[in-house]
Amino acid sequence: MQPVKVMLHRLSIALITLILLIPGCIESQSVIGDKEEEIPLRLSFKAETLDRVEDQGPTFDLKEELEDGPVLILWIGSACFGCHEWTNMIRESLENGSLNESTLSVVSVHGWSGIEGSEEVMNAFGLDSNDSSYAPWKIVMGKENTPALDYFSEQDTGYGLYEAYGNPSTPTLQLIGDNGIKMWQSKNYWANSTILDEIWDTASKL
């Protein structure tokens, strides 16, 4: 009989341990499930600008910007040579008429909020001087914790700006179409006129 009692005792301990562990396992799985929800396809966001005349106010709203047509987002950092090249090529192409400025809006979004601030971005892109890559369009000071919003409800999706847009390296170009959908993307580091032509051609068909 003694072996039977020992086995029953061990079985009881095992059952008690299992019961105690189950709630924790269920809770853990629930948390993981919440984190793994898909990022919405249609997104928007609001963030501060450099508040220059060109920025048309201290706050940028992607949803409002899209009311006028597609938006090309250029993700930038002040020490990113490719970002300077892309900025210069886009600006020069708009100025000389090789690209139609009415086809889409260009917006530069800061992608290095963890290591630099508005002063560096202003000096690199915000000033119309010979020693900078001047961006005559809106410059948005996006941050990692800037909430990404559902396009229609404008509710916080639970994702930060960078994560929601795929943690873009700099430079990255993203064409945003109707209802906040990312229609096209290029991570080509060096500026390329063929890619710009492709972007404008895609935007003209949206």
C-alpha atoms as a PDB file:
ATOM      1  CA  MET A   1       0.000   0.000   0.000  1.00  0.00           C
ATOM      2  CA  GLN A   2       2.900   2.345   0.750  1.00  0.00           C
ATOM      3  CA  PRO A   3       3.937   2.649  -2.919  1.00  0.00           C
ATOM      4  CA  VAL A   4       0.328   3.524  -3.831  1.00  0.00           C
ATOM      5  CA  LYS A   5       0.204   6.318  -1.220  1.00  0.00           C
ATOM      6  CA  VAL A   6       3.490   7.712  -2.482  1.00  0.00           C
ATOM      7  CA  MET A   7       2.215   7.726  -6.051  1.00  0.00           C
ATOM      8  CA  LEU A   8      -1.057   9.420  -5.030  1.00  0.00           C
ATOM      9  CA  HIS A   9       0.871  12.041  -3.074  1.00  0.00           C
ATOM     10  CA  ARG A  10       3.119  12.788  -6.045  1.00  0.00           C
ATOM     11  CA  LEU A  11       0.115  12.943  -8.369  1.00  0.00           C
ATOM     12  CA  SER A  12      -1.625  15.423  -6.067  1.00  0.00           C
ATOM     13  CA  ILE A  13       1.432  17.676  -6.003  1.00  0.00           C
ATOM     14  CA  ALA A  14       1.691  17.544  -9.792  1.00  0.00           C
ATOM     15  CA  LEU A  15      -1.987  18.479 -10.206  1.00  0.00           C
ATOM     16  CA  ILE A  16      -1.721  21.384  -7.764  1.00  0.00           C
ATOM     17  CA  THR A  17       1.383  22.672  -9.547  1.00  0.00           C
ATOM     18  CA  LEU A  18      -0.371  22.436 -12.917  1.00  0.00           C
ATOM     19  CA  ILE A  19      -3.417  24.338 -11.624  1.00  0.00           C
ATOM     20  CA  LEU A  20      -1.204  27.108 -10.282  1.00  0.00           C
ATOM     21  CA  LEU A  21       0.698  27.410 -13.547  1.00  0.00           C
ATOM     22  CA  ILE A  22      -2.274  27.446 -15.941  1.00  0.00           C
ATOM     23  CA  PRO A  23      -3.488  31.033 -15.207  1.00  0.00           C
ATOM     24  CA  GLY A  24       0.000  32.387 -15.796  1.00  0.00           C
ATOM     25  CA  CYS A  25       0.329  30.539 -19.089  1.00  0.00           C
ATOM     26  CA  ILE A  26      -3.036  31.779 -20.322  1.00  0.00           C
ATOM     27  CA  GLU A  27      -2.236  35.370 -19.380  1.00  0.00           C
ATOM     28  CA  SER A  28       1.143  35.197 -21.093  1.00  0.00           C
ATOM     29  CA  GLN A  29      -0.386  33.892 -24.303  1.00  0.00           C
ATOM     30  CA  SER A  30      -3.019  36.623 -24.205  1.00  0.00           C
ATOM     31  CA  VAL A  31      -0.374  39.336 -23.908  1.00  0.00           C
ATOM     32  CA  ILE A  32       1.618  37.874 -26.795  1.00  0.00           C
ATOM     33  CA  GLY A  33      -1.546  37.695 -28.866  1.00  0.00           C
ATOM     34  CA  ASP A  34      -2.211  41.395 -28.306  1.00  0.00           C
ATOM     35  CA  LYS A  35       1.325  42.330 -29.370  1.00  0.00           C
ATOM     36  CA  GLU A  36       1.133  40.275 -32.515  1.00  0.00           C
ATOM     37  CA  GLU A  37      -2.018  41.917 -33.896  1.00  0.00           C
ATOM     38  CA  GLU A  38      -1.398  43.051 -37.447  1.00  0.00           C
ATOM     39  CA  ILE A  39      -0.585  46.690 -38.044  1.00  0.00           C
ATOM     40  CA  PRO A  40      -3.565  48.323 -39.804  1.00  0.00           C
ATOM     41  CA  LEU A  41      -3.182  48.815 -43.535  1.00  0.00           C
ATOM     42  CA  ARG A  42      -4.626  52.335 -43.465  1.00  0.00           C
ATOM     43  CA  LEU A  43      -2.636  54.636 -41.204  1.00  0.00           C
ATOM     44  CA  SER A  44      -2.199  58.263 -40.318  1.00  0.00           C
ATOM     45  CA  PHE A  45      -0.237  60.246 -37.737  1.00  0.00           C
ATOM     46  CA  LYS A  46       0.141  63.715 -36.278  1.00  0.00           C
ATOM     47  CA  ALA A  47       3.508  65.160 -35.278  1.00  0.00           C
ATOM     48  CA  GLU A  48       5.351  68.417 -34.731  1.00  0.00           C
ATOM     49  CA  THR A  49       7.088  70.183 -37.597  1.00  0.00           C
ATOM     50  CA  LEU A  50      10.107  72.491 -37.578  1.00  0.00           C
ATOM     51  CA  ASP A  51       7.504  75.283 -37.623  1.00  0.00           C
ATOM     52  CA  ARG A  52       9.063  77.139 -40.541  1.00  0.00           C
ATOM     53  CA  VAL A  53       6.948  79.087 -43.014  1.00  0.00           C
ATOM     54  CA  GLU A  54       7.289  76.117 -45.382  1.00  0.00           C
ATOM     55  CA  ASP A  55       5.796  73.776 -42.763  1.00  0.00           C
ATOM     56  CA  GLN A  56       2.500  75.697 -42.722  1.00  0.00           C
ATOM     57  CA  GLY A  57       2.062  75.353 -38.985  1.00  0.00           C
ATOM     58  CA  PRO A  58       3.552  73.654 -35.928  1.00  0.00           C
ATOM     59  CA  THR A  59       1.704  70.352 -36.433  1.00  0.00           C
ATOM     60  CA  PHE A  60       1.527  67.973 -39.383  1.00  0.00           C
ATOM     61  CA  ASP A  61      -1.511  65.757 -39.974  1.00  0.00           C
ATOM     62  CA  LEU A  62      -1.048  63.076 -42.641  1.00  0.00           C
ATOM     63  CA  LYS A  63      -4.795  62.565 -43.051  1.00  0.00           C
ATOM     64  CA  GLU A  64      -5.273  66.250 -43.841  1.00  0.00           C
ATOM     65  CA  GLU A  65      -2.303  66.204 -46.218  1.00  0.00           C
ATOM     66  CA  LEU A  66      -3.798  63.277 -48.139  1.00  0.00           C
ATOM     67  CA  GLU A  67      -6.928  65.298 -48.877  1.00  0.00           C
ATOM     68  CA  ASP A  68      -4.910  67.048 -51.595  1.00  0.00           C
ATOM     69  CA  GLY A  69      -3.581  63.828 -53.137  1.00  0.00           C
ATOM     70  CA  PRO A  70      -0.831  61.225 -52.623  1.00  0.00           C
ATOM     71  CA  VAL A  71       2.046  61.982 -50.258  1.00  0.00           C
ATOM     72  CA  LEU A  72       5.694  61.006 -50.707  1.00  0.00           C
ATOM     73  CA  ILE A  73       7.398  60.509 -47.338  1.00  0.00           C
ATOM     74  CA  LEU A  74      11.182  60.830 -47.324  1.00  0.00           C
ATOM     75  CA  TRP A  75      12.647  59.476 -44.074  1.00  0.00           C
ATOM     76  CA  ILE A  76      15.689  61.542 -43.135  1.00  0.00           C
ATOM     77  CA  GLY A  77      18.566  62.000 -40.699  1.00  0.00           C
ATOM     78  CA  SER A  78      20.922  64.973 -40.679  1.00  0.00           C
ATOM     79  CA  ALA A  79      24.139  62.949 -41.128  1.00  0.00           C
ATOM     80  CA  CYS A  80      22.653  60.651 -43.778  1.00  0.00           C
ATOM     81  CA  PHE A  81      24.408  61.455 -47.068  1.00  0.00           C
ATOM     82  CA  GLY A  82      21.766  59.647 -49.093  1.00  0.00           C
ATOM     83  CA  CYS A  83      19.070  61.784 -47.456  1.00  0.00           C
ATOM     84  CA  HIS A  84      20.869  64.923 -48.631  1.00  0.00           C
ATOM     85  CA  GLU A  85      21.162  63.536 -52.157  1.00  0.00           C
ATOM     86  CA  TRP A  86      17.489  62.598 -52.354  1.00  0.00           C
ATOM     87  CA  THR A  87      16.423  65.966 -50.949  1.00  0.00           C
ATOM     88  CA  ASN A  88      18.527  67.840 -53.494  1.00  0.00           C
ATOM     89  CA  MET A  89      17.400  65.723 -56.441  1.00  0.00           C
ATOM     90  CA  ILE A  90      13.703  66.020 -55.580  1.00  0.00           C
ATOM     91  CA  ARG A  91      13.976  69.781 -55.017  1.00  0.00           C
ATOM     92  CA  GLU A  92      15.905  70.365 -58.252  1.00  0.00           C
ATOM     93  CA  SER A  93      13.523  68.151 -60.249  1.00  0.00           C
ATOM     94  CA  LEU A  94      10.531  70.126 -58.981  1.00  0.00           C
ATOM     95  CA  GLU A  95      12.254  73.455 -59.631  1.00  0.00           C
ATOM     96  CA  ASN A  96      13.239  72.617 -63.217  1.00  0.00           C
ATOM     97  CA  GLY A  97       9.847  71.143 -64.014  1.00  0.00           C
ATOM     98  CA  SER A  98      11.003  67.607 -64.778  1.00  0.00           C
ATOM     99  CA  LEU A  99       8.613  66.469 -62.039  1.00  0.00           C
ATOM    100  CA  ASN A 100       5.098  67.881 -61.710  1.00  0.00           C
ATOM    101  CA  GLU A 101       4.643  69.311 -58.217  1.00  0.00           C
ATOM    102  CA  SER A 102       0.844  69.016 -58.488  1.00  0.00           C
ATOM    103  CA  THR A 103       1.045  65.200 -58.739  1.00  0.00           C
ATOM    104  CA  LEU A 104       1.861  64.661 -55.067  1.00  0.00           C
ATOM    105  CA  SER A 105       3.044  66.321 -51.860  1.00  0.00           C
ATOM    106  CA  VAL A 106       6.551  65.704 -50.533  1.00  0.00           C
ATOM    107  CA  VAL A 107       7.100  65.465 -46.775  1.00  0.00           C
ATOM    108  CA  SER A 108      10.389  64.756 -44.988  1.00  0.00           C
ATOM    109  CA  VAL A 109       9.959  62.821 -41.737  1.00  0.00           C
ATOM    110  CA  HIS A 110      12.772  62.661 -39.206  1.00  0.00           C
ATOM    111  CA  GLY A 111      13.811  59.087 -38.460  1.00  0.00           C
ATOM    112  CA  TRP A 112      16.596  59.583 -35.898  1.00  0.00           C
ATOM    113  CA  SER A 113      14.747  61.000 -32.900  1.00  0.00           C
ATOM    114  CA  GLY A 114      16.821  58.899 -30.509  1.00  0.00           C
ATOM    115  CA  ILE A 115      20.143  60.498 -31.440  1.00  0.00           C
ATOM    116  CA  GLU A 116      19.448  64.025 -32.717  1.00  0.00           C
ATOM    117  CA  GLY A 117      16.915  66.810 -32.450  1.00  0.00           C
ATOM    118  CA  SER A 118      15.341  69.683 -34.331  1.00  0.00           C
ATOM    119  CA  GLU A 119      18.484  71.836 -34.349  1.00  0.00           C
ATOM    120  CA  GLU A 120      20.459  69.294 -36.381  1.00  0.00           C
ATOM    121  CA  VAL A 121      17.558  68.749 -38.776  1.00  0.00           C
ATOM    122  CA  MET A 122      17.028  72.491 -39.204  1.00  0.00           C
ATOM    123  CA  ASN A 123      20.706  73.060 -40.008  1.00  0.00           C
ATOM    124  CA  ALA A 124      20.786  70.159 -42.474  1.00  0.00           C
ATOM    125  CA  PHE A 125      17.469  70.573 -44.300  1.00  0.00           C
ATOM    126  CA  GLY A 126      15.527  73.541 -42.988  1.00  0.00           C
ATOM    127  CA  LEU A 127      17.587  76.517 -44.147  1.00  0.00           C
ATOM    128  CA  ASP A 128      17.742  77.885 -47.677  1.00  0.00           C
ATOM    129  CA  SER A 129      21.518  78.283 -47.741  1.00  0.00           C
ATOM    130  CA  ASN A 130      24.374  76.930 -49.830  1.00  0.00           C
ATOM    131  CA  ASP A 131      25.706  74.654 -47.098  1.00  0.00           C
ATOM    132  CA  SER A 132      22.499  72.714 -46.537  1.00  0.00           C
ATOM    133  CA  SER A 133      20.231  70.402 -48.499  1.00  0.00           C
ATOM    134  CA  TYR A 134      17.226  72.686 -48.300  1.00  0.00           C
ATOM    135  CA  ALA A 135      13.781  71.057 -48.267  1.00  0.00           C
ATOM    136  CA  PRO A 136      11.156  73.587 -49.439  1.00  0.00           C
ATOM    137  CA  TRP A 137       8.386  71.234 -48.289  1.00  0.00           C
ATOM    138  CA  LYS A 138       7.157  70.223 -44.836  1.00  0.00           C
ATOM    139  CA  ILE A 139       9.666  68.712 -42.415  1.00  0.00           C
ATOM    140  CA  VAL A 140       8.084  66.589 -39.684  1.00  0.00           C
ATOM    141  CA  MET A 141       9.863  65.748 -36.440  1.00  0.00           C
ATOM    142  CA  GLY A 142       8.590  62.197 -36.087  1.00  0.00           C
ATOM    143  CA  LYS A 143       9.520  60.256 -32.974  1.00  0.00           C
ATOM    144  CA  GLU A 144       9.601  56.569 -32.157  1.00  0.00           C
ATOM    145  CA  ASN A 145       6.727  56.988 -29.694  1.00  0.00           C
ATOM    146  CA  THR A 146       4.611  59.212 -31.949  1.00  0.00           C
ATOM    147  CA  PRO A 147       1.292  57.302 -32.079  1.00  0.00           C
ATOM    148  CA  ALA A 148       0.350  55.710 -35.381  1.00  0.00           C
ATOM    149  CA  LEU A 149      -3.377  56.288 -35.865  1.00  0.00           C
ATOM    150  CA  ASP A 150      -6.088  54.304 -37.591  1.00  0.00           C
ATOM    151  CA  TYR A 151      -6.898  56.331 -40.696  1.00  0.00           C
ATOM    152  CA  PHE A 152     -10.679  56.353 -40.327  1.00  0.00           C
ATOM    153  CA  SER A 153     -11.220  56.401 -36.557  1.00  0.00           C
ATOM    154  CA  GLU A 154      -8.007  58.323 -35.754  1.00  0.00           C
ATOM    155  CA  GLN A 155      -7.637  56.099 -32.703  1.00  0.00           C
ATOM    156  CA  ASP A 156      -4.202  55.080 -31.439  1.00  0.00           C
ATOM    157  CA  THR A 157      -3.265  51.716 -32.971  1.00  0.00           C
ATOM    158  CA  GLY A 158      -0.878  50.912 -30.130  1.00  0.00           C
ATOM    159  CA  TYR A 159       2.090  51.128 -32.485  1.00  0.00           C
ATOM    160  CA  GLY A 160       4.714  53.859 -32.577  1.00  0.00           C
ATOM    161  CA  LEU A 161       5.352  55.764 -35.794  1.00  0.00           C
ATOM    162  CA  TYR A 162       8.583  54.013 -36.773  1.00  0.00           C
ATOM    163  CA  GLU A 163       7.296  50.495 -36.134  1.00  0.00           C
ATOM    164  CA  ALA A 164       3.998  51.149 -37.908  1.00  0.00           C
ATOM    165  CA  TYR A 165       5.823  52.261 -41.043  1.00  0.00           C
ATOM    166  CA  GLY A 166       8.207  49.301 -41.049  1.00  0.00           C
ATOM    167  CA  ASN A 167      11.111  50.774 -39.064  1.00  0.00           C
ATOM    168  CA  PRO A 168      12.388  52.532 -42.196  1.00  0.00           C
ATOM    169  CA  SER A 169      16.104  53.091 -42.556  1.00  0.00           C
ATOM    170  CA  THR A 170      17.263  56.457 -43.838  1.00  0.00           C
ATOM    171  CA  PRO A 171      16.811  57.294 -46.570  1.00  0.00           C
ATOM    172  CA  THR A 172      13.573  55.471 -47.345  1.00  0.00           C
ATOM    173  CA  LEU A 173      10.917  56.777 -49.718  1.00  0.00           C
ATOM    174  CA  GLN A 174       7.307  55.715 -49.157  1.00  0.00           C
ATOM    175  CA  LEU A 175       4.393  56.704 -51.373  1.00  0.00           C
ATOM    176  CA  ILE A 176       1.179  56.993 -49.365  1.00  0.00           C
ATOM    177  CA  GLY A 177      -2.053  56.777 -51.345  1.00  0.00           C
ATOM    178  CA  ASP A 178      -5.767  57.018 -50.664  1.00  0.00           C
ATOM    179  CA  ASN A 179      -6.912  56.311 -47.124  1.00  0.00           C
ATOM    180  CA  GLY A 180      -3.369  56.146 -45.784  1.00  0.00           C
ATOM    181  CA  ILE A 181      -2.267  53.000 -47.613  1.00  0.00           C
ATOM    182  CA  LYS A 182       1.451  52.608 -48.357  1.00  0.00           C
ATOM    183  CA  MET A 183       1.459  52.030 -52.114  1.00  0.00           C
ATOM    184  CA  TRP A 184       5.164  51.982 -52.936  1.00  0.00           C
ATOM    185  CA  GLN A 185       8.533  51.962 -51.196  1.00  0.00           C
ATOM    186  CA  SER A 186      12.196  52.337 -52.073  1.00  0.00           C
ATOM    187  CA  LYS A 187      15.202  51.962 -49.771  1.00  0.00           C
ATOM    188  CA  ASN A 188      17.705  52.892 -52.459  1.00  0.00           C
ATOM    189  CA  TYR A 189      20.400  54.804 -50.569  1.00  0.00           C
ATOM    190  CA  TRP A 190      21.657  57.018 -53.370  1.00  0.00           C
ATOM    191  CA  ALA A 191      19.344  59.325 -55.301  1.00  0.00           C
ATOM    192  CA  ASN A 192      18.156  57.937 -58.618  1.00  0.00           C
ATOM    193  CA  SER A 193      16.115  59.828 -61.208  1.00  0.00           C
ATOM    194  CA  THR A 194      14.620  56.617 -62.603  1.00  0.00           C
ATOM    195  CA  ILE A 195      13.141  55.819 -59.193  1.00  0.00           C
ATOM    196  CA  LEU A 196      11.711  59.336 -58.948  1.00  0.00           C
ATOM    197  CA  ASP A 197      10.082  58.960 -62.362  1.00  0.00           C
ATOM    198  CA  GLU A 198       8.556  55.674 -61.206  1.00  0.00           C
ATOM    199  CA  ILE A 199       7.194  57.301 -58.043  1.00  0.00           C
ATOM    200  CA  TRP A 200       5.595  60.159 -59.961  1.00  0.00           C
ATOM    201  CA  ASP A 201       4.173  57.781 -62.565  1.00  0.00           C
ATOM    202  CA  THR A 202       2.619  55.616 -59.836  1.00  0.00           C
ATOM    203  CA  ALA A 203       1.218  58.658 -58.026  1.00  0.00           C
ATOM    204  CA  SER A 204      -0.352  60.027 -61.209  1.00  0.00           C
ATOM    205  CA  LYS A 205      -2.435  56.844 -61.499  1.00  0.00           C
ATOM    206  CA  LEU A 206      -3.781  56.931 -57.947  1.00  0.00           C
END
